[in-house]
N, C-alpha and C. Protein backbone atom coordinates (compact mmCIF):
# COMPACT_ATOMS: atom_id res chain seq x y z
N MET A 1 25.11 28.76 18.47
CA MET A 1 24.74 28.55 17.07
C MET A 1 25.34 26.84 16.77
N SER A 2 26.28 26.67 16.72
CA SER A 2 27.13 25.42 16.58
C SER A 2 26.48 24.41 17.31
N GLY A 3 25.95 24.74 18.93
CA GLY A 3 25.28 23.39 19.21
C GLY A 3 23.96 23.22 18.69
N ASN A 4 23.21 24.12 18.40
CA ASN A 4 21.96 23.99 17.61
C ASN A 4 21.94 23.20 16.39
N ARG A 5 23.03 23.55 15.60
CA ARG A 5 23.13 22.75 14.20
C ARG A 5 23.71 21.66 14.59
N GLU A 6 24.35 21.05 15.44
CA GLU A 6 24.60 19.68 16.13
C GLU A 6 23.77 18.99 16.39
N ALA A 7 22.94 19.33 17.14
CA ALA A 7 21.49 18.85 17.38
C ALA A 7 20.58 18.66 16.30
N MET A 8 20.50 19.37 15.47
CA MET A 8 19.70 19.30 14.41
C MET A 8 20.22 18.22 13.44
N LEU A 9 21.63 18.08 13.22
CA LEU A 9 22.07 17.14 12.37
C LEU A 9 21.77 15.88 13.22
N ASP A 10 21.98 15.48 14.47
CA ASP A 10 21.57 14.53 15.16
C ASP A 10 20.17 14.04 14.94
N LYS A 11 19.31 14.77 14.91
CA LYS A 11 17.77 14.70 14.52
C LYS A 11 17.64 14.23 13.18
N ILE A 12 18.21 14.78 12.37
CA ILE A 12 18.16 14.46 10.75
C ILE A 12 18.85 12.98 10.53
N GLU A 13 20.07 12.47 11.22
CA GLU A 13 20.55 11.40 11.19
C GLU A 13 19.68 10.31 11.68
N ALA A 14 19.07 10.62 12.92
CA ALA A 14 17.59 9.81 13.44
C ALA A 14 16.77 9.46 12.50
N LEU A 15 16.18 10.62 12.04
CA LEU A 15 14.86 10.58 11.11
C LEU A 15 15.59 9.58 9.83
N HIS A 16 16.53 9.63 9.32
CA HIS A 16 17.14 8.86 8.09
C HIS A 16 17.21 7.54 8.54
N ALA A 17 17.86 7.60 9.68
CA ALA A 17 17.82 5.73 10.35
C ALA A 17 16.47 5.17 10.44
N GLU A 18 15.52 5.95 10.97
CA GLU A 18 13.93 5.26 10.74
C GLU A 18 13.58 5.02 9.43
N GLN A 19 13.83 6.01 8.57
CA GLN A 19 13.52 6.11 7.05
C GLN A 19 13.83 4.65 6.53
N ALA A 20 15.18 4.39 6.73
CA ALA A 20 16.06 3.22 6.49
C ALA A 20 15.23 1.83 6.75
N LYS A 21 14.65 1.93 7.85
CA LYS A 21 14.04 0.87 8.31
C LYS A 21 12.90 0.40 7.54
N ALA A 22 12.02 1.79 7.19
CA ALA A 22 10.77 1.58 6.34
C ALA A 22 10.75 0.89 5.16
N VAL A 23 12.18 1.55 4.32
CA VAL A 23 12.58 1.11 3.02
C VAL A 23 12.69 -0.29 3.18
N ALA A 24 13.34 -0.93 4.46
CA ALA A 24 13.90 -2.44 4.17
C ALA A 24 12.84 -3.06 4.14
N GLY A 25 11.55 -2.68 4.10
CA GLY A 25 10.43 -3.60 4.43
C GLY A 25 10.50 -4.25 5.51
N GLY A 26 9.89 -5.63 5.26
CA GLY A 26 9.64 -6.56 6.46
C GLY A 26 11.40 -7.14 7.26
N GLY A 27 12.27 -6.85 6.77
CA GLY A 27 13.46 -7.18 7.13
C GLY A 27 14.16 -8.35 5.91
N GLU A 28 15.43 -8.43 6.14
CA GLU A 28 16.14 -9.19 5.31
C GLU A 28 15.65 -10.34 4.92
N LYS A 29 15.36 -11.44 5.81
CA LYS A 29 14.60 -12.37 5.99
C LYS A 29 13.64 -12.76 5.05
N TYR A 30 12.63 -11.48 5.20
CA TYR A 30 11.35 -11.93 4.41
C TYR A 30 11.38 -11.10 2.82
N VAL A 31 12.68 -10.23 2.82
CA VAL A 31 12.53 -9.62 1.55
C VAL A 31 13.34 -10.90 0.82
N ALA A 32 14.14 -11.56 1.37
CA ALA A 32 14.89 -12.71 0.48
C ALA A 32 13.82 -14.07 0.10
N ARG A 33 12.88 -14.10 0.78
CA ARG A 33 12.03 -15.30 0.67
C ARG A 33 11.07 -14.54 -0.55
N HIS A 34 10.70 -13.34 -0.53
CA HIS A 34 9.69 -12.78 -1.39
C HIS A 34 10.50 -12.98 -2.79
N LYS A 35 11.89 -12.75 -2.63
CA LYS A 35 12.80 -12.65 -3.78
C LYS A 35 12.79 -13.91 -4.43
N ASP A 36 12.94 -15.06 -3.52
CA ASP A 36 12.70 -16.21 -3.85
C ASP A 36 11.79 -16.89 -4.57
N ARG A 37 10.86 -15.98 -4.50
CA ARG A 37 9.60 -16.42 -5.16
C ARG A 37 9.41 -15.79 -6.36
N GLY A 38 10.85 -15.30 -6.87
CA GLY A 38 10.52 -14.43 -7.96
C GLY A 38 9.68 -13.14 -8.31
N LYS A 39 9.73 -12.74 -7.14
CA LYS A 39 9.18 -11.79 -7.26
C LYS A 39 9.50 -10.18 -6.96
N LEU A 40 9.19 -9.16 -7.02
CA LEU A 40 9.77 -7.57 -6.94
C LEU A 40 9.31 -7.38 -5.63
N THR A 41 10.35 -6.25 -4.80
CA THR A 41 9.79 -5.57 -3.79
C THR A 41 8.61 -4.34 -4.05
N ALA A 42 8.04 -3.92 -3.18
CA ALA A 42 6.83 -2.85 -3.64
C ALA A 42 7.80 -2.01 -4.33
N ARG A 43 8.66 -1.22 -3.71
CA ARG A 43 9.41 -0.31 -4.46
C ARG A 43 10.19 -0.31 -5.63
N GLU A 44 10.63 -1.62 -5.92
CA GLU A 44 11.42 -1.97 -7.14
C GLU A 44 9.78 -2.41 -8.13
N ARG A 45 8.66 -2.22 -7.98
CA ARG A 45 7.85 -2.38 -8.65
C ARG A 45 7.38 -0.95 -9.35
N ILE A 46 7.25 -0.31 -7.88
CA ILE A 46 7.05 1.26 -8.76
C ILE A 46 7.92 1.89 -9.52
N GLU A 47 9.43 1.60 -8.87
CA GLU A 47 10.52 2.22 -9.86
C GLU A 47 10.31 1.32 -11.26
N LEU A 48 9.80 0.44 -11.66
CA LEU A 48 9.64 0.08 -12.92
C LEU A 48 8.26 0.56 -13.58
N LEU A 49 7.32 0.74 -12.68
CA LEU A 49 6.09 1.57 -12.99
C LEU A 49 6.12 2.99 -13.98
N VAL A 50 6.65 3.65 -12.99
CA VAL A 50 6.87 5.37 -13.37
C VAL A 50 7.74 5.45 -14.74
N ASP A 51 7.59 6.60 -15.10
CA ASP A 51 8.32 6.80 -16.53
C ASP A 51 9.66 6.85 -16.10
N GLU A 52 10.53 6.34 -17.15
CA GLU A 52 12.28 6.27 -16.85
C GLU A 52 12.68 7.72 -16.60
N GLY A 53 13.30 7.97 -15.82
CA GLY A 53 14.06 9.31 -15.66
C GLY A 53 12.86 10.39 -14.82
N SER A 54 11.87 10.02 -14.23
CA SER A 54 10.81 10.74 -13.66
C SER A 54 11.16 10.54 -12.22
N ALA A 55 10.55 11.04 -11.33
CA ALA A 55 10.99 11.06 -10.00
C ALA A 55 9.74 10.64 -9.55
N PHE A 56 9.47 10.03 -7.98
CA PHE A 56 8.63 9.50 -7.27
C PHE A 56 8.55 10.21 -6.04
N LEU A 57 7.38 10.59 -5.52
CA LEU A 57 7.65 11.61 -4.96
C LEU A 57 6.84 10.47 -3.60
N GLU A 58 7.51 10.20 -2.80
CA GLU A 58 7.23 8.98 -1.60
C GLU A 58 5.94 9.82 -0.49
N LEU A 59 5.08 9.50 -0.12
CA LEU A 59 4.22 10.26 1.01
C LEU A 59 4.20 9.05 2.12
N MET A 60 4.58 9.79 3.21
CA MET A 60 4.08 9.12 4.49
C MET A 60 5.09 7.88 4.74
N PRO A 61 6.27 8.22 4.15
CA PRO A 61 6.96 6.86 4.78
C PRO A 61 7.12 6.23 5.91
N LEU A 62 6.93 7.02 7.01
CA LEU A 62 7.27 7.00 8.47
C LEU A 62 5.53 6.49 9.14
N ALA A 63 4.76 6.35 8.20
CA ALA A 63 3.34 6.34 8.85
C ALA A 63 3.44 5.05 9.88
N GLY A 64 2.79 5.28 11.04
CA GLY A 64 2.58 4.11 12.17
C GLY A 64 3.97 4.14 12.72
N TRP A 65 4.83 5.08 12.84
CA TRP A 65 6.08 5.14 13.55
C TRP A 65 5.39 5.15 14.93
N GLY A 66 6.11 4.38 15.70
CA GLY A 66 5.86 4.42 17.33
C GLY A 66 4.72 3.25 17.68
N SER A 67 4.04 2.97 16.67
CA SER A 67 3.21 1.65 16.90
C SER A 67 3.73 0.45 16.45
N ASP A 68 2.81 -0.56 16.60
CA ASP A 68 3.48 -2.13 16.28
C ASP A 68 3.53 -2.15 14.86
N PHE A 69 2.95 -0.77 14.00
CA PHE A 69 3.20 -1.40 12.90
C PHE A 69 3.66 -0.01 11.94
N MET A 70 5.33 0.00 12.77
CA MET A 70 5.95 1.07 12.14
C MET A 70 6.74 1.07 10.82
N VAL A 71 6.77 -0.02 10.22
CA VAL A 71 7.24 -0.29 8.90
C VAL A 71 6.40 0.43 7.63
N GLY A 72 6.30 1.55 7.99
CA GLY A 72 5.59 2.28 6.71
C GLY A 72 4.20 2.03 6.59
N ALA A 73 3.61 1.52 7.56
CA ALA A 73 2.06 0.90 7.65
C ALA A 73 1.75 -0.28 6.56
N SER A 74 2.93 -0.88 6.16
CA SER A 74 2.50 -2.18 5.34
C SER A 74 2.53 -1.72 4.02
N MET A 75 2.70 -0.32 3.81
CA MET A 75 2.30 -0.06 2.16
C MET A 75 2.88 1.05 1.86
N VAL A 76 3.62 1.34 0.62
CA VAL A 76 4.13 2.33 -0.18
C VAL A 76 3.26 3.30 -0.71
N THR A 77 3.37 4.56 -0.51
CA THR A 77 2.21 5.41 -1.22
C THR A 77 2.97 6.59 -1.89
N GLY A 78 2.54 7.01 -2.75
CA GLY A 78 3.18 8.53 -3.41
C GLY A 78 3.01 8.76 -4.99
N ILE A 79 3.18 9.85 -5.30
CA ILE A 79 2.76 10.29 -6.69
C ILE A 79 3.85 10.00 -7.59
N GLY A 80 3.54 9.66 -8.68
CA GLY A 80 4.80 9.12 -9.86
C GLY A 80 3.95 9.67 -11.34
N VAL A 81 4.43 9.56 -12.36
CA VAL A 81 4.31 9.79 -13.62
C VAL A 81 4.26 8.65 -14.37
N VAL A 82 3.00 8.12 -14.83
CA VAL A 82 3.23 7.02 -15.72
C VAL A 82 2.52 7.15 -16.95
N GLU A 83 3.29 7.09 -17.84
CA GLU A 83 2.98 7.29 -19.51
C GLU A 83 2.58 8.74 -19.63
N GLY A 84 3.27 9.83 -18.74
CA GLY A 84 3.11 11.09 -18.80
C GLY A 84 2.01 11.59 -17.78
N VAL A 85 1.34 10.72 -17.22
CA VAL A 85 0.19 11.45 -16.33
C VAL A 85 0.49 10.99 -14.67
N GLU A 86 0.59 12.25 -14.05
CA GLU A 86 0.62 11.91 -12.45
C GLU A 86 -0.23 11.24 -11.95
N CYS A 87 0.00 10.05 -11.21
CA CYS A 87 -0.77 9.13 -10.57
C CYS A 87 -0.59 9.06 -9.31
N MET A 88 -1.63 8.99 -8.47
CA MET A 88 -1.15 8.43 -7.24
C MET A 88 -0.92 6.64 -6.94
N ILE A 89 -0.08 6.35 -6.47
CA ILE A 89 0.52 4.97 -6.48
C ILE A 89 0.57 4.53 -5.23
N VAL A 90 -0.61 3.30 -4.95
CA VAL A 90 -0.66 2.46 -3.41
C VAL A 90 -0.09 1.22 -3.63
N ALA A 91 0.82 0.72 -3.13
CA ALA A 91 1.53 -0.59 -3.02
C ALA A 91 1.51 -1.38 -1.78
N ASN A 92 0.95 -2.52 -1.65
CA ASN A 92 1.23 -3.13 -0.49
C ASN A 92 2.59 -3.73 -0.53
N ASP A 93 2.90 -3.80 0.97
CA ASP A 93 4.39 -4.28 0.94
C ASP A 93 4.10 -5.76 1.53
N PRO A 94 4.21 -6.79 0.51
CA PRO A 94 3.92 -8.31 1.10
C PRO A 94 5.02 -8.85 1.86
N THR A 95 6.24 -8.00 2.07
CA THR A 95 7.47 -8.84 3.06
C THR A 95 6.72 -7.98 4.45
N VAL A 96 5.93 -7.43 4.47
CA VAL A 96 5.60 -7.21 6.13
C VAL A 96 4.36 -7.85 6.24
N LYS A 97 4.10 -9.12 7.08
CA LYS A 97 3.03 -9.74 7.32
C LYS A 97 2.32 -10.07 6.18
N GLY A 98 2.39 -10.45 5.16
CA GLY A 98 2.01 -10.70 3.77
C GLY A 98 1.23 -9.70 3.26
N GLY A 99 1.54 -8.44 3.63
CA GLY A 99 0.91 -7.23 3.00
C GLY A 99 -0.52 -6.70 3.75
N ALA A 100 -0.52 -7.51 4.81
CA ALA A 100 -1.83 -7.54 5.90
C ALA A 100 -2.09 -5.78 6.14
N LEU A 101 -3.50 -5.53 6.09
CA LEU A 101 -3.74 -4.27 6.25
C LEU A 101 -3.88 -4.20 7.93
N ASN A 102 -3.53 -3.28 8.27
CA ASN A 102 -3.63 -2.76 10.01
C ASN A 102 -4.21 -1.22 10.17
N PRO A 103 -4.58 -0.91 11.14
CA PRO A 103 -5.40 0.37 11.47
C PRO A 103 -4.25 1.54 10.45
N TRP A 104 -3.12 1.41 10.57
CA TRP A 104 -2.28 2.53 10.09
C TRP A 104 -2.44 2.26 8.74
N SER A 105 -2.47 1.12 8.06
CA SER A 105 -2.46 1.27 6.56
C SER A 105 -3.59 2.03 6.18
N LEU A 106 -5.01 1.73 6.74
CA LEU A 106 -6.23 2.67 6.53
C LEU A 106 -5.99 4.15 6.58
N LYS A 107 -5.45 4.68 7.69
CA LYS A 107 -5.26 6.10 7.75
C LYS A 107 -4.32 6.86 6.70
N LYS A 108 -3.30 5.94 6.31
CA LYS A 108 -2.58 6.15 5.08
C LYS A 108 -3.05 5.75 3.58
N SER A 109 -3.84 4.88 3.96
CA SER A 109 -4.81 5.07 2.45
C SER A 109 -6.11 6.05 1.83
N PHE A 110 -6.71 6.17 3.27
CA PHE A 110 -7.18 7.45 3.23
C PHE A 110 -6.72 8.65 3.06
N ARG A 111 -5.40 9.06 3.69
CA ARG A 111 -5.13 10.16 3.12
C ARG A 111 -4.45 10.29 1.56
N ALA A 112 -4.04 9.21 1.25
CA ALA A 112 -3.43 9.18 -0.06
C ALA A 112 -4.74 9.55 -1.03
N GLY A 113 -5.98 8.95 -0.66
CA GLY A 113 -7.18 9.01 -1.42
C GLY A 113 -7.65 10.22 -1.64
N GLU A 114 -7.53 11.02 -0.16
CA GLU A 114 -7.91 12.58 -0.23
C GLU A 114 -6.86 13.36 -1.26
N ILE A 115 -5.71 13.05 -0.78
CA ILE A 115 -4.72 13.79 -2.08
C ILE A 115 -4.63 13.47 -3.55
N ALA A 116 -5.66 12.44 -3.86
CA ALA A 116 -5.68 12.11 -5.19
C ALA A 116 -6.97 12.59 -5.61
N GLU A 117 -7.91 12.82 -4.68
CA GLU A 117 -9.34 13.22 -4.79
C GLU A 117 -8.98 15.00 -5.37
N GLN A 118 -8.31 15.63 -4.04
CA GLN A 118 -8.18 16.98 -4.39
C GLN A 118 -7.24 17.33 -5.71
N ASN A 119 -6.25 16.77 -6.06
CA ASN A 119 -5.60 16.92 -7.05
C ASN A 119 -6.11 16.15 -8.40
N ASN A 120 -7.28 15.40 -8.40
CA ASN A 120 -7.71 14.81 -9.60
C ASN A 120 -6.56 13.98 -9.94
N LEU A 121 -6.24 13.03 -9.50
CA LEU A 121 -5.05 12.01 -9.82
C LEU A 121 -5.75 10.53 -10.04
N PRO A 122 -5.53 10.00 -11.32
CA PRO A 122 -6.03 8.48 -11.16
C PRO A 122 -5.13 7.63 -9.91
N THR A 123 -5.59 6.58 -9.66
CA THR A 123 -5.16 5.88 -8.60
C THR A 123 -4.45 4.44 -9.33
N ILE A 124 -3.14 4.45 -9.07
CA ILE A 124 -2.75 2.77 -9.17
C ILE A 124 -2.24 2.15 -8.23
N ASN A 125 -3.20 0.97 -7.76
CA ASN A 125 -3.05 0.19 -6.83
C ASN A 125 -2.01 -1.39 -7.37
N LEU A 126 -1.00 -1.36 -6.50
CA LEU A 126 -0.17 -2.49 -6.75
C LEU A 126 -0.45 -3.33 -5.76
N THR A 127 -1.45 -4.33 -6.14
CA THR A 127 -2.11 -5.17 -4.92
C THR A 127 -1.56 -6.70 -4.77
N GLU A 128 -1.10 -6.87 -3.61
CA GLU A 128 -0.33 -8.10 -2.86
C GLU A 128 -1.06 -8.15 -1.47
N SER A 129 -2.09 -8.57 -0.91
CA SER A 129 -2.55 -8.40 0.37
C SER A 129 -3.21 -9.71 1.15
N GLY A 130 -2.60 -9.76 2.38
CA GLY A 130 -3.49 -10.88 3.19
C GLY A 130 -4.95 -10.41 3.70
N GLY A 131 -5.30 -9.14 3.19
CA GLY A 131 -6.27 -8.86 3.90
C GLY A 131 -6.16 -7.94 5.09
N ALA A 132 -7.04 -7.88 6.28
CA ALA A 132 -6.96 -7.20 7.29
C ALA A 132 -6.45 -8.23 8.30
N ASP A 133 -5.34 -7.32 9.09
CA ASP A 133 -4.59 -7.69 10.08
C ASP A 133 -5.58 -8.12 11.17
N LEU A 134 -5.52 -9.79 11.32
CA LEU A 134 -6.52 -10.05 12.31
C LEU A 134 -6.79 -9.64 13.74
N PRO A 135 -5.43 -9.88 14.51
CA PRO A 135 -5.29 -9.44 15.71
C PRO A 135 -5.96 -7.79 15.98
N THR A 136 -6.03 -7.09 14.78
CA THR A 136 -6.75 -5.72 15.01
C THR A 136 -7.64 -5.56 14.20
N GLN A 137 -8.41 -6.50 13.88
CA GLN A 137 -9.67 -6.46 13.11
C GLN A 137 -10.49 -5.54 13.64
N LYS A 138 -10.60 -5.53 14.79
CA LYS A 138 -12.01 -4.69 15.52
C LYS A 138 -11.81 -3.40 15.14
N ASP A 139 -10.52 -2.95 14.43
CA ASP A 139 -10.12 -1.54 14.61
C ASP A 139 -10.02 -1.21 13.01
N ILE A 140 -10.43 -2.30 12.01
CA ILE A 140 -10.37 -2.36 10.84
C ILE A 140 -11.52 -2.15 9.73
N PHE A 141 -12.55 -3.31 10.33
CA PHE A 141 -13.50 -3.70 9.77
C PHE A 141 -14.78 -2.66 9.26
N ILE A 142 -15.01 -1.89 10.20
CA ILE A 142 -15.77 -0.93 10.14
C ILE A 142 -15.41 0.38 9.52
N PRO A 143 -14.38 0.89 9.87
CA PRO A 143 -13.37 2.35 9.23
C PRO A 143 -13.53 1.48 7.81
N GLY A 144 -12.81 0.47 7.74
CA GLY A 144 -12.42 -0.01 6.17
C GLY A 144 -13.45 0.16 5.12
N GLY A 145 -14.83 0.20 5.59
CA GLY A 145 -15.66 0.60 4.69
C GLY A 145 -15.37 1.91 3.78
N ARG A 146 -14.93 2.69 4.70
CA ARG A 146 -14.79 4.17 3.74
C ARG A 146 -13.79 3.82 2.61
N GLY A 147 -12.79 3.21 2.63
CA GLY A 147 -11.77 2.63 1.49
C GLY A 147 -12.72 2.12 0.01
N PHE A 148 -13.64 1.19 0.35
CA PHE A 148 -14.34 0.70 -0.86
C PHE A 148 -15.52 2.01 -1.27
N ARG A 149 -16.02 2.48 -0.24
CA ARG A 149 -17.20 3.90 -0.61
C ARG A 149 -16.08 5.01 -1.64
N ASN A 150 -15.16 5.10 -0.94
CA ASN A 150 -14.06 6.13 -1.59
C ASN A 150 -13.67 5.39 -3.41
N LEU A 151 -13.82 4.39 -3.68
CA LEU A 151 -13.30 3.74 -5.08
C LEU A 151 -14.52 4.05 -5.75
N THR A 152 -15.88 3.76 -5.19
CA THR A 152 -17.00 4.03 -6.10
C THR A 152 -17.20 5.25 -6.36
N ARG A 153 -16.82 6.42 -5.33
CA ARG A 153 -17.12 7.77 -5.76
C ARG A 153 -16.10 8.32 -6.58
N ALA A 154 -15.09 7.85 -6.57
CA ALA A 154 -14.00 8.19 -7.57
C ALA A 154 -14.25 7.67 -8.79
N SER A 155 -14.70 6.47 -8.86
CA SER A 155 -15.58 5.96 -10.41
C SER A 155 -16.54 6.97 -10.93
N ALA A 156 -17.52 7.48 -9.90
CA ALA A 156 -18.46 8.47 -10.46
C ALA A 156 -17.87 9.60 -11.18
N ARG A 157 -16.58 9.93 -10.44
CA ARG A 157 -16.04 11.29 -10.67
C ARG A 157 -15.12 11.13 -12.23
N LYS A 158 -15.37 9.86 -12.64
CA LYS A 158 -14.20 9.79 -13.91
C LYS A 158 -12.92 9.98 -13.47
N GLN A 159 -12.85 9.58 -12.07
CA GLN A 159 -11.37 9.61 -11.65
C GLN A 159 -10.76 8.03 -11.64
N PRO A 160 -10.42 7.56 -12.60
CA PRO A 160 -10.23 5.95 -12.84
C PRO A 160 -8.93 5.42 -11.52
N SER A 161 -9.46 4.43 -11.27
CA SER A 161 -8.61 3.53 -10.33
C SER A 161 -8.15 2.11 -11.13
N ILE A 162 -6.90 1.63 -10.85
CA ILE A 162 -6.46 0.62 -11.92
C ILE A 162 -5.59 0.02 -10.65
N SER A 163 -6.26 -1.61 -10.51
CA SER A 163 -5.58 -2.30 -9.51
C SER A 163 -4.60 -3.56 -10.61
N VAL A 164 -3.19 -3.63 -10.20
CA VAL A 164 -2.31 -4.69 -10.94
C VAL A 164 -1.92 -5.60 -9.56
N VAL A 165 -2.91 -6.77 -9.75
CA VAL A 165 -2.57 -7.96 -8.81
C VAL A 165 -1.32 -8.91 -9.04
N PHE A 166 -0.73 -8.92 -7.99
CA PHE A 166 0.60 -9.72 -8.31
C PHE A 166 0.57 -11.05 -7.53
N GLY A 167 -0.15 -11.42 -6.97
CA GLY A 167 -0.13 -12.43 -6.29
C GLY A 167 -1.33 -12.73 -5.04
N ASN A 168 -1.32 -13.76 -4.30
CA ASN A 168 -2.78 -13.66 -3.23
C ASN A 168 -3.04 -12.44 -2.77
N SER A 169 -4.65 -12.12 -2.91
CA SER A 169 -5.03 -11.04 -2.64
C SER A 169 -6.40 -11.55 -2.07
N THR A 170 -6.37 -11.60 -0.52
CA THR A 170 -7.44 -12.13 0.25
C THR A 170 -8.81 -11.16 1.22
N ALA A 171 -9.64 -11.43 1.20
CA ALA A 171 -10.94 -10.45 1.90
C ALA A 171 -10.77 -9.27 1.47
N GLY A 172 -10.06 -8.36 2.46
CA GLY A 172 -10.05 -6.95 2.35
C GLY A 172 -9.44 -6.73 1.10
N GLY A 173 -8.49 -7.57 1.01
CA GLY A 173 -7.21 -7.50 -0.26
C GLY A 173 -7.82 -7.68 -1.69
N ALA A 174 -8.91 -8.22 -1.67
CA ALA A 174 -9.58 -8.69 -2.77
C ALA A 174 -10.75 -7.52 -3.11
N TYR A 175 -11.19 -6.54 -2.39
CA TYR A 175 -11.90 -6.00 -2.65
C TYR A 175 -11.61 -4.48 -3.45
N VAL A 176 -10.40 -4.38 -3.14
CA VAL A 176 -9.73 -3.16 -3.98
C VAL A 176 -9.82 -3.59 -5.63
N PRO A 177 -9.06 -4.64 -6.09
CA PRO A 177 -9.49 -4.93 -7.49
C PRO A 177 -11.13 -5.31 -7.89
N GLY A 178 -11.67 -5.90 -7.27
CA GLY A 178 -13.03 -6.18 -7.46
C GLY A 178 -13.69 -4.83 -7.62
N MET A 179 -13.41 -3.92 -6.97
CA MET A 179 -14.12 -2.73 -7.28
C MET A 179 -13.28 -1.61 -8.15
N SER A 180 -12.07 -1.95 -8.42
CA SER A 180 -11.43 -0.88 -9.31
C SER A 180 -11.95 -1.07 -10.72
N ASP A 181 -11.86 0.33 -11.44
CA ASP A 181 -12.17 0.54 -13.11
C ASP A 181 -11.57 -0.52 -13.83
N TYR A 182 -10.55 -0.96 -13.95
CA TYR A 182 -9.43 -1.68 -14.38
C TYR A 182 -8.63 -2.48 -13.57
N VAL A 183 -8.46 -4.01 -14.05
CA VAL A 183 -7.78 -5.13 -13.32
C VAL A 183 -7.10 -5.53 -14.37
N ILE A 184 -5.64 -5.50 -13.84
CA ILE A 184 -4.58 -6.28 -14.40
C ILE A 184 -4.05 -7.45 -13.71
N MET A 185 -4.22 -8.56 -14.25
CA MET A 185 -4.00 -9.83 -13.35
C MET A 185 -2.60 -10.75 -13.68
N VAL A 186 -1.67 -10.62 -13.02
CA VAL A 186 -0.51 -11.39 -13.46
C VAL A 186 -0.24 -12.41 -13.51
N LYS A 187 -0.12 -13.12 -14.63
CA LYS A 187 -0.44 -14.43 -15.06
C LYS A 187 0.16 -15.65 -14.53
N GLU A 188 -0.57 -16.51 -13.81
CA GLU A 188 0.18 -17.67 -12.88
C GLU A 188 0.64 -17.20 -11.59
N GLN A 189 0.38 -15.91 -11.14
CA GLN A 189 0.31 -15.33 -10.08
C GLN A 189 -0.45 -14.95 -9.36
N ALA A 190 -1.50 -14.14 -9.97
CA ALA A 190 -2.45 -13.43 -9.10
C ALA A 190 -3.49 -14.39 -8.72
N LYS A 191 -4.14 -14.07 -7.71
CA LYS A 191 -5.09 -15.13 -7.04
C LYS A 191 -5.99 -13.91 -6.09
N VAL A 192 -7.03 -13.82 -6.19
CA VAL A 192 -8.30 -12.94 -5.74
C VAL A 192 -9.24 -13.94 -4.66
N PHE A 193 -9.20 -13.97 -3.68
CA PHE A 193 -10.27 -14.81 -2.70
C PHE A 193 -11.17 -13.83 -2.05
N SER A 194 -12.27 -13.61 -2.11
CA SER A 194 -13.11 -12.99 -0.99
C SER A 194 -13.97 -13.90 -0.34
N GLY A 195 -13.81 -13.69 1.01
CA GLY A 195 -14.68 -14.67 2.00
C GLY A 195 -15.75 -14.00 2.59
N ARG A 196 -16.77 -14.64 3.11
CA ARG A 196 -17.71 -14.24 3.94
C ARG A 196 -18.13 -15.21 4.74
N SER A 197 -18.97 -15.04 6.06
CA SER A 197 -19.35 -15.81 6.74
C SER A 197 -20.97 -15.48 7.14
N ALA A 198 -21.78 -16.59 7.30
CA ALA A 198 -23.10 -16.48 7.68
C ALA A 198 -23.34 -17.76 8.47
N ALA A 199 -24.10 -17.60 9.55
CA ALA A 199 -24.43 -18.75 10.18
C ALA A 199 -23.67 -19.98 10.45
N GLY A 200 -22.29 -19.21 10.76
CA GLY A 200 -21.20 -20.42 11.25
C GLY A 200 -20.44 -20.76 9.74
N GLN A 201 -21.05 -20.70 8.89
CA GLN A 201 -20.27 -21.25 7.77
C GLN A 201 -19.55 -19.84 6.77
N ASP A 202 -18.43 -20.50 6.14
CA ASP A 202 -17.42 -19.79 5.68
C ASP A 202 -17.36 -20.10 4.04
N GLY A 203 -17.54 -19.10 3.04
CA GLY A 203 -17.54 -19.57 1.53
C GLY A 203 -16.47 -18.57 0.86
N HIS A 204 -15.70 -19.18 -0.07
CA HIS A 204 -14.83 -18.72 -0.84
C HIS A 204 -14.92 -18.75 -2.07
N ARG A 205 -14.55 -17.73 -2.98
CA ARG A 205 -15.00 -17.83 -4.46
C ARG A 205 -13.64 -16.72 -4.88
C-alpha cells in the first residue's frame, strides 16, 4: 500500500506541475510585456469579475496538453458567480500567441458552450484575440463556424452572451463580440477588426 501511495503522490505532483505551467500563461517574458502595457492577465480579469468571496470553478485547465498548444489551449474557461448569477466565463489569454485560437481552443470553447447550454448559463467572453492561429488555419476555419452558430442559437434561447473587449480582436476574434447580445468596449484599448478576402483583395473594417 505504501508503494501505491507514493506512486499516486508522484502522479499528483506531476499533475500540479503541468497545471502550474498552464496558469503561468505564455511565460514570464510575455506576461511581463502584457503588464507593461497596463493590462491584466486572463485570470486576474476573472478574479475581478466574479463576486467577491465567491469561487471560480476552472474547467479544462490542461486542454491541449501534449500538443503544440499545451498552455490551456490559449484560453481560460470556467463557471463563476457574477452579480449573484452563475455564468460560463471564457477568457482569451493574450500572453499566449496574442490569444490566437488554435484547434484545441475550438474544442475547449465548444465544450464550455455545451456545459453552458445544458445548465442554462449566460456566457461572458473576455475578449482579446489575434484570431486564428494561421499555421493551423485549415483545422480551424470550417469547424470554427460552429462557434458562431452556437452564439446565434444561444441568443434565440434567451441565454445571453456578453463580450468584454480589452484590446485588439482580429478576424475570428472579432466575430465573438460582433455576434454577442451585449458588448462592452474598453475605452482607448478595444479594437475590433473583421477581415475578408475576395478576388485577391483584402478588406478591413
